[in-house]
Amino acid sequence: MLRIALTTGEPAGIGPDLCAMLSQQPREYELVAIGNKALLASRAAELGLPLSLRDFHAEHAPKADAASELCVLDVPLKQSVTSGVLNKNNAAYVLSTLDIAASGCYQDTFNAMVTAPVHKGIINDAGIAFTGHTEYLADKTASDPVMLLAAGDFRVALATTHLPLSDVPAAINDEGLSRVLHTLHNELQTRFAISKPVILVCGLNPHAGEDGHLGREELDIIIPCLDKLRGEGLNLIGPLPADTLFTPHHLNDADAVLAMYHDQGLPVLKYAGFGSAVNITLGLPIIRTSVDHGTALDKAGTGNIDSGSLNAALALAEQLARTQQKQTST
């Protein structure tokens, strides 16, 4: 029986709503919401949803969830919450839920963790340096992660993540590209059970540099790096112009795409699968997936939300955890 941790995200946003909504269906594993028990009960009541909460006990064997039931690892809030109203005094609470989930995964209390959306701005307003889940979990686990978003079998990984666009060219180097591509290749094999993954690689510049006329990063860095990695057995195609890479002609036979920066690859992925796409952090010693959207403060407490992305994140976390169980048992 699997046990999956779910951090409830920004308390004023739709994270608690999503937890109450998804708990209405039974599950073949135990889902443990990591957040404030009173907040979850209050938000369920605000939405008019039946919800029975039970306390989490690590020493108890996991049990499949019944409909309208949710196991909760209670985390105290600093101050009370009003739906849709941010409060920087609760920023530390948000990060403590991530710490608990990551630690539980590291200690095998949980088989995977799924994260509801957080609000980076209010965490920064509280005086805490925070650029995103990926970077935060990297620090906590001393890892070099890779961000991958997936909509079904359409997968886009990023060579760089949350950087100003002006900083991206300097961040593209042989060492970084090699690390990212090795991680992507290896985890497509292990976590996704794809024996010989095919990876398409975007160029950095328009037209992939057009033989140096629109930038030299392709000639000086990307092409030599890809040639080296092909010699190590990786199946890499590119660098390809990003404006034509995302077409069926290229994508039909590919297992993943590597984009050079955040907004080169993710607009296409989110257009193709917004509301059902999943964010996966590769390169961690634990399994972590997340939704592809933000906190939607204006929708908190209204019931006017779509739980599709969180359901997809949970389904993928379960799939990855079961694959890992099989690999461990053989």
C-alpha atoms as a PDB file:
ATOM      1  CA  MET A   1       0.000   0.000   0.000  1.00  0.00           C
ATOM      2  CA  LEU A   2       1.417   3.354  -1.041  1.00  0.00           C
ATOM      3  CA  ARG A   3       1.398   6.445   1.141  1.00  0.00           C
ATOM      4  CA  ILE A   4       1.680   9.783  -0.700  1.00  0.00           C
ATOM      5  CA  ALA A   5       2.173  13.175   0.958  1.00  0.00           C
ATOM      6  CA  LEU A   6       0.272  16.213  -0.337  1.00  0.00           C
ATOM      7  CA  THR A   7       1.382  19.662   0.779  1.00  0.00           C
ATOM      8  CA  THR A   8      -1.622  21.964   0.870  1.00  0.00           C
ATOM      9  CA  GLY A   9       0.136  25.051  -0.514  1.00  0.00           C
ATOM     10  CA  GLU A  10      -0.607  28.722   0.105  1.00  0.00           C
ATOM     11  CA  PRO A  11      -3.381  28.699   2.745  1.00  0.00           C
ATOM     12  CA  ALA A  12      -5.240  31.665   1.209  1.00  0.00           C
ATOM     13  CA  GLY A  13      -5.193  30.104  -2.259  1.00  0.00           C
ATOM     14  CA  ILE A  14      -6.948  27.137  -3.836  1.00  0.00           C
ATOM     15  CA  GLY A  15      -4.672  24.468  -2.363  1.00  0.00           C
ATOM     16  CA  PRO A  16      -7.012  23.680   0.568  1.00  0.00           C
ATOM     17  CA  ASP A  17      -9.999  23.725  -1.834  1.00  0.00           C
ATOM     18  CA  LEU A  18      -8.301  21.188  -4.100  1.00  0.00           C
ATOM     19  CA  CYS A  19      -7.564  18.921  -1.134  1.00  0.00           C
ATOM     20  CA  ALA A  20     -11.227  18.963  -0.100  1.00  0.00           C
ATOM     21  CA  MET A  21     -12.386  18.339  -3.668  1.00  0.00           C
ATOM     22  CA  LEU A  22     -10.083  15.432  -4.487  1.00  0.00           C
ATOM     23  CA  SER A  23     -10.895  13.718  -1.204  1.00  0.00           C
ATOM     24  CA  GLN A  24     -14.443  13.123  -2.459  1.00  0.00           C
ATOM     25  CA  GLN A  25     -13.246  10.104  -4.471  1.00  0.00           C
ATOM     26  CA  PRO A  26     -11.826   6.862  -2.978  1.00  0.00           C
ATOM     27  CA  ARG A  27      -8.196   5.974  -3.663  1.00  0.00           C
ATOM     28  CA  GLU A  28      -6.136   2.797  -3.766  1.00  0.00           C
ATOM     29  CA  TYR A  29      -3.468   4.351  -1.547  1.00  0.00           C
ATOM     30  CA  GLU A  30      -3.282   6.572   1.523  1.00  0.00           C
ATOM     31  CA  LEU A  31      -3.061  10.284   0.817  1.00  0.00           C
ATOM     32  CA  VAL A  32      -1.699  12.375   3.690  1.00  0.00           C
ATOM     33  CA  ALA A  33      -2.483  16.082   3.516  1.00  0.00           C
ATOM     34  CA  ILE A  34       0.259  18.099   5.214  1.00  0.00           C
ATOM     35  CA  GLY A  35      -1.311  21.311   6.402  1.00  0.00           C
ATOM     36  CA  ASN A  36      -3.610  22.835   8.954  1.00  0.00           C
ATOM     37  CA  LYS A  37      -6.467  20.539   9.923  1.00  0.00           C
ATOM     38  CA  ALA A  38      -8.819  23.353  10.983  1.00  0.00           C
ATOM     39  CA  LEU A  39      -8.183  25.194   7.693  1.00  0.00           C
ATOM     40  CA  LEU A  40      -9.048  22.110   5.649  1.00  0.00           C
ATOM     41  CA  ALA A  41     -12.239  21.559   7.616  1.00  0.00           C
ATOM     42  CA  SER A  42     -13.193  25.220   7.278  1.00  0.00           C
ATOM     43  CA  ARG A  43     -12.544  25.323   3.526  1.00  0.00           C
ATOM     44  CA  ALA A  44     -14.537  22.129   2.956  1.00  0.00           C
ATOM     45  CA  ALA A  45     -17.443  23.678   4.874  1.00  0.00           C
ATOM     46  CA  GLU A  46     -17.082  26.882   2.815  1.00  0.00           C
ATOM     47  CA  LEU A  47     -17.402  24.771  -0.325  1.00  0.00           C
ATOM     48  CA  GLY A  48     -20.273  22.694   1.055  1.00  0.00           C
ATOM     49  CA  LEU A  49     -18.299  19.440   0.746  1.00  0.00           C
ATOM     50  CA  PRO A  50     -18.525  16.557   3.229  1.00  0.00           C
ATOM     51  CA  LEU A  51     -15.099  15.799   4.687  1.00  0.00           C
ATOM     52  CA  SER A  52     -14.042  13.477   7.481  1.00  0.00           C
ATOM     53  CA  LEU A  53     -10.515  14.175   8.707  1.00  0.00           C
ATOM     54  CA  ARG A  54      -8.385  11.648  10.557  1.00  0.00           C
ATOM     55  CA  ASP A  55      -5.036  12.276  12.209  1.00  0.00           C
ATOM     56  CA  PHE A  56      -1.902  10.854  10.645  1.00  0.00           C
ATOM     57  CA  HIS A  57       0.135   8.336  12.639  1.00  0.00           C
ATOM     58  CA  ALA A  58       3.373   7.212  10.987  1.00  0.00           C
ATOM     59  CA  GLU A  59       3.427   3.985  12.975  1.00  0.00           C
ATOM     60  CA  HIS A  60       0.074   2.873  11.552  1.00  0.00           C
ATOM     61  CA  ALA A  61       0.020   0.875   8.323  1.00  0.00           C
ATOM     62  CA  PRO A  62      -1.286   2.899   5.362  1.00  0.00           C
ATOM     63  CA  LYS A  63      -4.900   2.338   4.377  1.00  0.00           C
ATOM     64  CA  ALA A  64      -6.787   3.114   1.192  1.00  0.00           C
ATOM     65  CA  ASP A  65      -8.865   6.287   1.394  1.00  0.00           C
ATOM     66  CA  ALA A  66     -12.634   6.106   1.428  1.00  0.00           C
ATOM     67  CA  ALA A  67     -14.690   8.797  -0.287  1.00  0.00           C
ATOM     68  CA  SER A  68     -14.961  12.076   1.661  1.00  0.00           C
ATOM     69  CA  GLU A  69     -12.118  11.020   3.947  1.00  0.00           C
ATOM     70  CA  LEU A  70      -8.682  12.591   4.294  1.00  0.00           C
ATOM     71  CA  CYS A  71      -5.727  11.781   6.514  1.00  0.00           C
ATOM     72  CA  VAL A  72      -4.031  14.952   7.835  1.00  0.00           C
ATOM     73  CA  LEU A  73      -0.631  15.629   9.346  1.00  0.00           C
ATOM     74  CA  ASP A  74      -1.581  18.795  11.225  1.00  0.00           C
ATOM     75  CA  VAL A  75       0.702  21.822  10.921  1.00  0.00           C
ATOM     76  CA  PRO A  76      -0.132  24.943  13.002  1.00  0.00           C
ATOM     77  CA  LEU A  77      -0.787  28.247  11.283  1.00  0.00           C
ATOM     78  CA  LYS A  78       0.733  31.433  12.620  1.00  0.00           C
ATOM     79  CA  GLN A  79      -2.461  33.419  11.985  1.00  0.00           C
ATOM     80  CA  SER A  80      -5.998  32.651  10.830  1.00  0.00           C
ATOM     81  CA  VAL A  81      -6.722  32.556   7.102  1.00  0.00           C
ATOM     82  CA  THR A  82      -9.237  34.397   4.954  1.00  0.00           C
ATOM     83  CA  SER A  83      -9.786  32.879   1.512  1.00  0.00           C
ATOM     84  CA  GLY A  84      -8.052  34.964  -1.143  1.00  0.00           C
ATOM     85  CA  VAL A  85      -6.158  37.218   1.295  1.00  0.00           C
ATOM     86  CA  LEU A  86      -2.389  36.720   1.527  1.00  0.00           C
ATOM     87  CA  ASN A  87      -0.651  37.009   4.885  1.00  0.00           C
ATOM     88  CA  LYS A  88       3.136  37.004   5.057  1.00  0.00           C
ATOM     89  CA  ASN A  89       2.990  35.791   8.654  1.00  0.00           C
ATOM     90  CA  ASN A  90       1.986  32.350   7.332  1.00  0.00           C
ATOM     91  CA  ALA A  91       4.940  32.065   4.932  1.00  0.00           C
ATOM     92  CA  ALA A  92       6.980  29.933   7.347  1.00  0.00           C
ATOM     93  CA  TYR A  93       4.004  27.588   7.674  1.00  0.00           C
ATOM     94  CA  VAL A  94       4.040  26.988   3.914  1.00  0.00           C
ATOM     95  CA  LEU A  95       7.737  26.093   3.922  1.00  0.00           C
ATOM     96  CA  SER A  96       7.350  23.845   6.973  1.00  0.00           C
ATOM     97  CA  THR A  97       4.842  21.704   5.048  1.00  0.00           C
ATOM     98  CA  LEU A  98       7.480  21.214   2.324  1.00  0.00           C
ATOM     99  CA  ASP A  99      10.120  20.336   4.922  1.00  0.00           C
ATOM    100  CA  ILE A 100       7.867  17.734   6.534  1.00  0.00           C
ATOM    101  CA  ALA A 101       6.925  16.131   3.207  1.00  0.00           C
ATOM    102  CA  ALA A 102      10.488  16.011   1.899  1.00  0.00           C
ATOM    103  CA  SER A 103      11.820  14.619   5.164  1.00  0.00           C
ATOM    104  CA  GLY A 104       9.068  11.993   5.212  1.00  0.00           C
ATOM    105  CA  CYS A 105       9.934  10.901   1.675  1.00  0.00           C
ATOM    106  CA  TYR A 106      13.636  10.793   2.500  1.00  0.00           C
ATOM    107  CA  GLN A 107      12.889   8.565   5.502  1.00  0.00           C
ATOM    108  CA  ASP A 108      10.510   6.336   3.492  1.00  0.00           C
ATOM    109  CA  THR A 109       7.478   7.375   5.540  1.00  0.00           C
ATOM    110  CA  PHE A 110       5.995   8.535   2.234  1.00  0.00           C
ATOM    111  CA  ASN A 111       6.512   6.996  -1.217  1.00  0.00           C
ATOM    112  CA  ALA A 112       6.165  10.351  -2.984  1.00  0.00           C
ATOM    113  CA  MET A 113       5.184  13.964  -2.426  1.00  0.00           C
ATOM    114  CA  VAL A 114       2.790  16.146  -4.409  1.00  0.00           C
ATOM    115  CA  THR A 115       2.710  19.903  -3.942  1.00  0.00           C
ATOM    116  CA  ALA A 116      -0.206  22.310  -4.248  1.00  0.00           C
ATOM    117  CA  PRO A 117       0.706  25.822  -5.465  1.00  0.00           C
ATOM    118  CA  VAL A 118       2.525  28.349  -3.287  1.00  0.00           C
ATOM    119  CA  HIS A 119       2.824  32.123  -3.681  1.00  0.00           C
ATOM    120  CA  LYS A 120       6.489  33.054  -4.119  1.00  0.00           C
ATOM    121  CA  GLY A 121       5.888  36.773  -3.656  1.00  0.00           C
ATOM    122  CA  ILE A 122       4.379  36.552  -0.176  1.00  0.00           C
ATOM    123  CA  ILE A 123       7.187  34.232   0.951  1.00  0.00           C
ATOM    124  CA  ASN A 124       9.715  36.802  -0.283  1.00  0.00           C
ATOM    125  CA  ASP A 125       7.716  39.576   1.425  1.00  0.00           C
ATOM    126  CA  ALA A 126       8.227  37.684   4.680  1.00  0.00           C
ATOM    127  CA  GLY A 127      11.977  38.086   4.228  1.00  0.00           C
ATOM    128  CA  ILE A 128      12.573  34.513   3.087  1.00  0.00           C
ATOM    129  CA  ALA A 129      14.592  33.934  -0.090  1.00  0.00           C
ATOM    130  CA  PHE A 130      12.503  31.581  -2.226  1.00  0.00           C
ATOM    131  CA  THR A 131      12.481  31.149  -6.004  1.00  0.00           C
ATOM    132  CA  GLY A 132      10.390  27.977  -6.296  1.00  0.00           C
ATOM    133  CA  HIS A 133       9.750  24.420  -5.164  1.00  0.00           C
ATOM    134  CA  THR A 134      12.472  23.029  -7.430  1.00  0.00           C
ATOM    135  CA  GLU A 135      15.258  25.167  -6.026  1.00  0.00           C
ATOM    136  CA  TYR A 136      14.010  24.805  -2.445  1.00  0.00           C
ATOM    137  CA  LEU A 137      13.952  21.017  -2.602  1.00  0.00           C
ATOM    138  CA  ALA A 138      17.354  21.033  -4.275  1.00  0.00           C
ATOM    139  CA  ASP A 139      18.805  22.815  -1.240  1.00  0.00           C
ATOM    140  CA  LYS A 140      17.006  20.520   1.199  1.00  0.00           C
ATOM    141  CA  THR A 141      18.238  17.336  -0.460  1.00  0.00           C
ATOM    142  CA  ALA A 142      21.664  18.574  -1.657  1.00  0.00           C
ATOM    143  CA  SER A 143      20.656  17.704  -5.238  1.00  0.00           C
ATOM    144  CA  ASP A 144      20.951  19.152  -8.740  1.00  0.00           C
ATOM    145  CA  PRO A 145      17.378  18.769  -9.982  1.00  0.00           C
ATOM    146  CA  VAL A 146      15.873  19.128 -13.423  1.00  0.00           C
ATOM    147  CA  MET A 147      12.405  20.582 -13.961  1.00  0.00           C
ATOM    148  CA  LEU A 148      10.208  18.486 -16.246  1.00  0.00           C
ATOM    149  CA  LEU A 149       6.615  19.240 -17.181  1.00  0.00           C
ATOM    150  CA  ALA A 150       4.412  16.602 -18.759  1.00  0.00           C
ATOM    151  CA  ALA A 151       1.018  16.515 -20.413  1.00  0.00           C
ATOM    152  CA  GLY A 152       0.470  12.823 -21.028  1.00  0.00           C
ATOM    153  CA  ASP A 153       3.451  11.623 -23.075  1.00  0.00           C
ATOM    154  CA  PHE A 154       4.453  15.173 -24.078  1.00  0.00           C
ATOM    155  CA  ARG A 155       7.382  16.059 -21.795  1.00  0.00           C
ATOM    156  CA  VAL A 156       9.436  19.269 -21.676  1.00  0.00           C
ATOM    157  CA  ALA A 157      12.519  19.635 -19.464  1.00  0.00           C
ATOM    158  CA  LEU A 158      14.431  22.859 -18.797  1.00  0.00           C
ATOM    159  CA  ALA A 159      18.159  23.510 -18.991  1.00  0.00           C
ATOM    160  CA  THR A 160      17.675  26.612 -16.813  1.00  0.00           C
ATOM    161  CA  THR A 161      14.715  27.413 -14.579  1.00  0.00           C
ATOM    162  CA  HIS A 162      13.787  30.659 -12.828  1.00  0.00           C
ATOM    163  CA  LEU A 163      16.343  33.073 -14.250  1.00  0.00           C
ATOM    164  CA  PRO A 164      15.947  36.527 -15.781  1.00  0.00           C
ATOM    165  CA  LEU A 165      16.188  36.170 -19.548  1.00  0.00           C
ATOM    166  CA  SER A 166      19.329  38.306 -19.585  1.00  0.00           C
ATOM    167  CA  ASP A 167      21.106  35.713 -17.389  1.00  0.00           C
ATOM    168  CA  VAL A 168      20.255  32.678 -19.522  1.00  0.00           C
ATOM    169  CA  PRO A 169      23.099  32.738 -22.122  1.00  0.00           C
ATOM    170  CA  ALA A 170      25.776  32.800 -19.419  1.00  0.00           C
ATOM    171  CA  ALA A 171      24.081  29.851 -17.691  1.00  0.00           C
ATOM    172  CA  ILE A 172      24.309  27.640 -20.806  1.00  0.00           C
ATOM    173  CA  ASN A 173      27.575  25.725 -20.542  1.00  0.00           C
ATOM    174  CA  ASP A 174      28.922  22.239 -21.208  1.00  0.00           C
ATOM    175  CA  GLU A 175      28.893  21.147 -17.577  1.00  0.00           C
ATOM    176  CA  GLY A 176      25.306  22.231 -16.949  1.00  0.00           C
ATOM    177  CA  LEU A 177      23.927  20.831 -20.212  1.00  0.00           C
ATOM    178  CA  SER A 178      25.706  17.528 -19.670  1.00  0.00           C
ATOM    179  CA  ARG A 179      24.310  17.204 -16.158  1.00  0.00           C
ATOM    180  CA  VAL A 180      20.755  18.057 -17.207  1.00  0.00           C
ATOM    181  CA  LEU A 181      20.767  15.704 -20.198  1.00  0.00           C
ATOM    182  CA  HIS A 182      22.266  12.830 -18.210  1.00  0.00           C
ATOM    183  CA  THR A 183      19.613  13.310 -15.511  1.00  0.00           C
ATOM    184  CA  LEU A 184      16.805  13.511 -18.053  1.00  0.00           C
ATOM    185  CA  HIS A 185      18.045  10.444 -19.965  1.00  0.00           C
ATOM    186  CA  ASN A 186      18.588   8.354 -16.822  1.00  0.00           C
ATOM    187  CA  GLU A 187      15.261   9.200 -15.227  1.00  0.00           C
ATOM    188  CA  LEU A 188      13.295   8.593 -18.401  1.00  0.00           C
ATOM    189  CA  GLN A 189      14.830   5.126 -18.210  1.00  0.00           C
ATOM    190  CA  THR A 190      14.332   4.499 -14.490  1.00  0.00           C
ATOM    191  CA  ARG A 191      11.244   6.464 -13.416  1.00  0.00           C
ATOM    192  CA  PHE A 192       9.349   6.262 -16.726  1.00  0.00           C
ATOM    193  CA  ALA A 193      10.643   2.831 -17.837  1.00  0.00           C
ATOM    194  CA  ILE A 194      11.628   4.068 -21.337  1.00  0.00           C
ATOM    195  CA  SER A 195      14.567   1.871 -22.300  1.00  0.00           C
ATOM    196  CA  LYS A 196      16.033   4.040 -25.119  1.00  0.00           C
ATOM    197  CA  PRO A 197      14.672   7.583 -24.747  1.00  0.00           C
ATOM    198  CA  VAL A 198      14.806  10.008 -27.671  1.00  0.00           C
ATOM    199  CA  ILE A 199      15.405  13.608 -26.578  1.00  0.00           C
ATOM    200  CA  LEU A 200      14.959  16.679 -28.790  1.00  0.00           C
ATOM    201  CA  VAL A 201      17.152  19.647 -27.850  1.00  0.00           C
ATOM    202  CA  CYS A 202      16.184  23.260 -28.566  1.00  0.00           C
ATOM    203  CA  GLY A 203      18.725  25.798 -29.719  1.00  0.00           C
ATOM    204  CA  LEU A 204      19.095  28.910 -27.585  1.00  0.00           C
ATOM    205  CA  ASN A 205      18.898  31.492 -30.365  1.00  0.00           C
ATOM    206  CA  PRO A 206      16.313  32.059 -33.117  1.00  0.00           C
ATOM    207  CA  HIS A 207      16.798  29.511 -35.928  1.00  0.00           C
ATOM    208  CA  ALA A 208      19.214  27.687 -33.579  1.00  0.00           C
ATOM    209  CA  GLY A 209      21.767  30.426 -34.236  1.00  0.00           C
ATOM    210  CA  GLU A 210      21.642  30.191 -38.042  1.00  0.00           C
ATOM    211  CA  ASP A 211      25.251  29.016 -38.350  1.00  0.00           C
ATOM    212  CA  GLY A 212      26.484  31.707 -35.992  1.00  0.00           C
ATOM    213  CA  HIS A 213      24.748  34.665 -37.634  1.00  0.00           C
ATOM    214  CA  LEU A 214      22.184  34.907 -34.803  1.00  0.00           C
ATOM    215  CA  GLY A 215      24.424  33.880 -31.918  1.00  0.00           C
ATOM    216  CA  ARG A 216      27.294  31.487 -31.307  1.00  0.00           C
ATOM    217  CA  GLU A 217      26.051  29.461 -28.315  1.00  0.00           C
ATOM    218  CA  GLU A 218      24.964  26.620 -30.585  1.00  0.00           C
ATOM    219  CA  LEU A 219      28.338  26.406 -32.363  1.00  0.00           C
ATOM    220  CA  ASP A 220      30.534  26.982 -29.331  1.00  0.00           C
ATOM    221  CA  ILE A 221      28.653  25.123 -26.583  1.00  0.00           C
ATOM    222  CA  ILE A 222      25.511  23.201 -27.491  1.00  0.00           C
ATOM    223  CA  ILE A 223      26.639  21.252 -30.572  1.00  0.00           C
ATOM    224  CA  PRO A 224      29.974  20.097 -29.053  1.00  0.00           C
ATOM    225  CA  CYS A 225      28.145  19.046 -25.888  1.00  0.00           C
ATOM    226  CA  LEU A 226      25.538  17.033 -27.791  1.00  0.00           C
ATOM    227  CA  ASP A 227      28.225  15.365 -29.911  1.00  0.00           C
ATOM    228  CA  LYS A 228      30.086  14.335 -26.765  1.00  0.00           C
ATOM    229  CA  LEU A 229      26.955  12.904 -25.147  1.00  0.00           C
ATOM    230  CA  ARG A 230      25.991  11.004 -28.290  1.00  0.00           C
ATOM    231  CA  GLY A 231      29.354   9.329 -28.001  1.00  0.00           C
ATOM    232  CA  GLU A 232      28.288   8.238 -24.496  1.00  0.00           C
ATOM    233  CA  GLY A 233      25.139   6.590 -25.837  1.00  0.00           C
ATOM    234  CA  LEU A 234      22.486   9.291 -25.436  1.00  0.00           C
ATOM    235  CA  ASN A 235      19.985   9.597 -28.304  1.00  0.00           C
ATOM    236  CA  LEU A 236      19.876  13.359 -28.850  1.00  0.00           C
ATOM    237  CA  ILE A 237      18.440  15.260 -31.801  1.00  0.00           C
ATOM    238  CA  GLY A 238      19.371  18.899 -32.276  1.00  0.00           C
ATOM    239  CA  PRO A 239      19.904  21.632 -31.587  1.00  0.00           C
ATOM    240  CA  LEU A 240      16.675  22.413 -33.414  1.00  0.00           C
ATOM    241  CA  PRO A 241      14.981  25.805 -33.872  1.00  0.00           C
ATOM    242  CA  ALA A 242      12.385  26.137 -31.119  1.00  0.00           C
ATOM    243  CA  ASP A 243       9.829  27.643 -33.496  1.00  0.00           C
ATOM    244  CA  THR A 244       9.639  24.421 -35.532  1.00  0.00           C
ATOM    245  CA  LEU A 245      10.673  21.785 -32.987  1.00  0.00           C
ATOM    246  CA  PHE A 246       7.217  21.732 -31.369  1.00  0.00           C
ATOM    247  CA  THR A 247       5.466  20.226 -34.382  1.00  0.00           C
ATOM    248  CA  PRO A 248       4.192  16.664 -34.930  1.00  0.00           C
ATOM    249  CA  HIS A 249       6.960  16.020 -37.474  1.00  0.00           C
ATOM    250  CA  HIS A 250       9.533  16.200 -34.668  1.00  0.00           C
ATOM    251  CA  LEU A 251       7.476  15.302 -31.601  1.00  0.00           C
ATOM    252  CA  ASN A 252       5.837  12.080 -32.794  1.00  0.00           C
ATOM    253  CA  ASP A 253       8.942   9.969 -32.200  1.00  0.00           C
ATOM    254  CA  ALA A 254      10.342  11.873 -29.210  1.00  0.00           C
ATOM    255  CA  ASP A 255      10.138  11.007 -25.513  1.00  0.00           C
ATOM    256  CA  ALA A 256      11.096  14.458 -24.226  1.00  0.00           C
ATOM    257  CA  VAL A 257      12.218  17.932 -25.259  1.00  0.00           C
ATOM    258  CA  LEU A 258      14.947  19.950 -23.570  1.00  0.00           C
ATOM    259  CA  ALA A 259      14.284  23.689 -23.735  1.00  0.00           C
ATOM    260  CA  MET A 260      17.067  26.122 -22.915  1.00  0.00           C
ATOM    261  CA  TYR A 261      14.950  28.366 -20.687  1.00  0.00           C
ATOM    262  CA  HIS A 262      11.615  28.526 -18.896  1.00  0.00           C
ATOM    263  CA  ASP A 263       9.495  30.467 -21.374  1.00  0.00           C
ATOM    264  CA  GLN A 264      10.950  28.754 -24.442  1.00  0.00           C
ATOM    265  CA  GLY A 265       9.316  25.410 -23.692  1.00  0.00           C
ATOM    266  CA  LEU A 266       6.592  25.844 -21.116  1.00  0.00           C
ATOM    267  CA  PRO A 267       4.153  28.050 -23.084  1.00  0.00           C
ATOM    268  CA  VAL A 268       3.818  25.249 -25.656  1.00  0.00           C
ATOM    269  CA  LEU A 269       3.440  22.564 -22.992  1.00  0.00           C
ATOM    270  CA  LYS A 270       0.839  24.547 -21.069  1.00  0.00           C
ATOM    271  CA  TYR A 271      -1.087  25.387 -24.226  1.00  0.00           C
ATOM    272  CA  ALA A 272      -1.210  21.690 -25.060  1.00  0.00           C
ATOM    273  CA  GLY A 273      -2.206  20.495 -21.600  1.00  0.00           C
ATOM    274  CA  PHE A 274      -3.110  23.335 -19.236  1.00  0.00           C
ATOM    275  CA  GLY A 275      -5.312  22.034 -16.468  1.00  0.00           C
ATOM    276  CA  SER A 276      -3.967  18.505 -16.814  1.00  0.00           C
ATOM    277  CA  ALA A 277      -0.204  19.045 -16.999  1.00  0.00           C
ATOM    278  CA  VAL A 278       2.155  17.968 -14.225  1.00  0.00           C
ATOM    279  CA  ASN A 279       5.441  19.366 -12.947  1.00  0.00           C
ATOM    280  CA  ILE A 280       7.979  16.663 -12.016  1.00  0.00           C
ATOM    281  CA  THR A 281      11.289  17.345 -10.300  1.00  0.00           C
ATOM    282  CA  LEU A 282      13.939  14.967 -11.644  1.00  0.00           C
ATOM    283  CA  GLY A 283      17.308  14.413 -10.019  1.00  0.00           C
ATOM    284  CA  LEU A 284      16.023  14.274  -6.439  1.00  0.00           C
ATOM    285  CA  PRO A 285      16.422  11.242  -4.167  1.00  0.00           C
ATOM    286  CA  ILE A 286      12.624  11.394  -3.744  1.00  0.00           C
ATOM    287  CA  ILE A 287       9.593  11.521  -6.053  1.00  0.00           C
ATOM    288  CA  ARG A 288       7.963  14.932  -6.319  1.00  0.00           C
ATOM    289  CA  THR A 289       5.186  16.102  -8.647  1.00  0.00           C
ATOM    290  CA  SER A 290       3.108  19.264  -8.664  1.00  0.00           C
ATOM    291  CA  VAL A 291       0.316  21.145 -10.377  1.00  0.00           C
ATOM    292  CA  ASP A 292       1.028  23.337 -13.402  1.00  0.00           C
ATOM    293  CA  HIS A 293      -0.849  26.413 -12.128  1.00  0.00           C
ATOM    294  CA  GLY A 294      -0.719  29.053  -9.426  1.00  0.00           C
ATOM    295  CA  THR A 295      -2.631  29.864  -6.268  1.00  0.00           C
ATOM    296  CA  ALA A 296      -5.665  31.464  -8.010  1.00  0.00           C
ATOM    297  CA  LEU A 297      -6.447  33.656  -5.001  1.00  0.00           C
ATOM    298  CA  ASP A 298      -9.558  35.085  -6.643  1.00  0.00           C
ATOM    299  CA  LYS A 299     -11.082  31.589  -6.838  1.00  0.00           C
ATOM    300  CA  ALA A 300     -10.297  30.376  -3.329  1.00  0.00           C
ATOM    301  CA  GLY A 301     -13.432  29.405  -1.444  1.00  0.00           C
ATOM    302  CA  THR A 302     -15.681  29.766  -4.518  1.00  0.00           C
ATOM    303  CA  GLY A 303     -15.773  26.165  -5.749  1.00  0.00           C
ATOM    304  CA  ASN A 304     -15.157  27.509  -9.270  1.00  0.00           C
ATOM    305  CA  ILE A 305     -11.915  25.609  -9.861  1.00  0.00           C
ATOM    306  CA  ASP A 306     -10.677  22.646 -11.852  1.00  0.00           C
ATOM    307  CA  SER A 307      -8.839  19.905  -9.969  1.00  0.00           C
ATOM    308  CA  GLY A 308      -7.567  18.250 -13.166  1.00  0.00           C
ATOM    309  CA  SER A 309      -3.902  19.185 -12.752  1.00  0.00           C
ATOM    310  CA  LEU A 310      -3.739  18.018  -9.136  1.00  0.00           C
ATOM    311  CA  ASN A 311      -5.461  14.761 -10.014  1.00  0.00           C
ATOM    312  CA  ALA A 312      -2.934  14.281 -12.819  1.00  0.00           C
ATOM    313  CA  ALA A 313      -0.054  15.071 -10.431  1.00  0.00           C
ATOM    314  CA  LEU A 314      -1.344  12.492  -7.960  1.00  0.00           C
ATOM    315  CA  ALA A 315      -1.838   9.885 -10.674  1.00  0.00           C
ATOM    316  CA  LEU A 316       1.709  10.380 -11.955  1.00  0.00           C
ATOM    317  CA  ALA A 317       3.167  10.298  -8.434  1.00  0.00           C
ATOM    318  CA  GLU A 318       1.378   6.992  -7.884  1.00  0.00           C
ATOM    319  CA  GLN A 319       2.662   5.639 -11.208  1.00  0.00           C
ATOM    320  CA  LEU A 320       6.262   6.656 -10.468  1.00  0.00           C
ATOM    321  CA  ALA A 321       6.074   5.257  -6.936  1.00  0.00           C
ATOM    322  CA  ARG A 322       4.729   1.909  -8.146  1.00  0.00           C
ATOM    323  CA  THR A 323       7.456   1.715 -10.794  1.00  0.00           C
ATOM    324  CA  GLN A 324      10.023   2.351  -8.073  1.00  0.00           C
ATOM    325  CA  GLN A 325       8.457  -0.334  -5.874  1.00  0.00           C
ATOM    326  CA  LYS A 326       8.737  -2.859  -8.704  1.00  0.00           C
ATOM    327  CA  GLN A 327      12.363  -1.954  -9.375  1.00  0.00           C
ATOM    328  CA  THR A 328      13.207  -2.225  -5.679  1.00  0.00           C
ATOM    329  CA  SER A 329      11.553  -5.630  -5.336  1.00  0.00           C
ATOM    330  CA  THR A 330      13.360  -7.184  -8.347  1.00  0.00           C
END
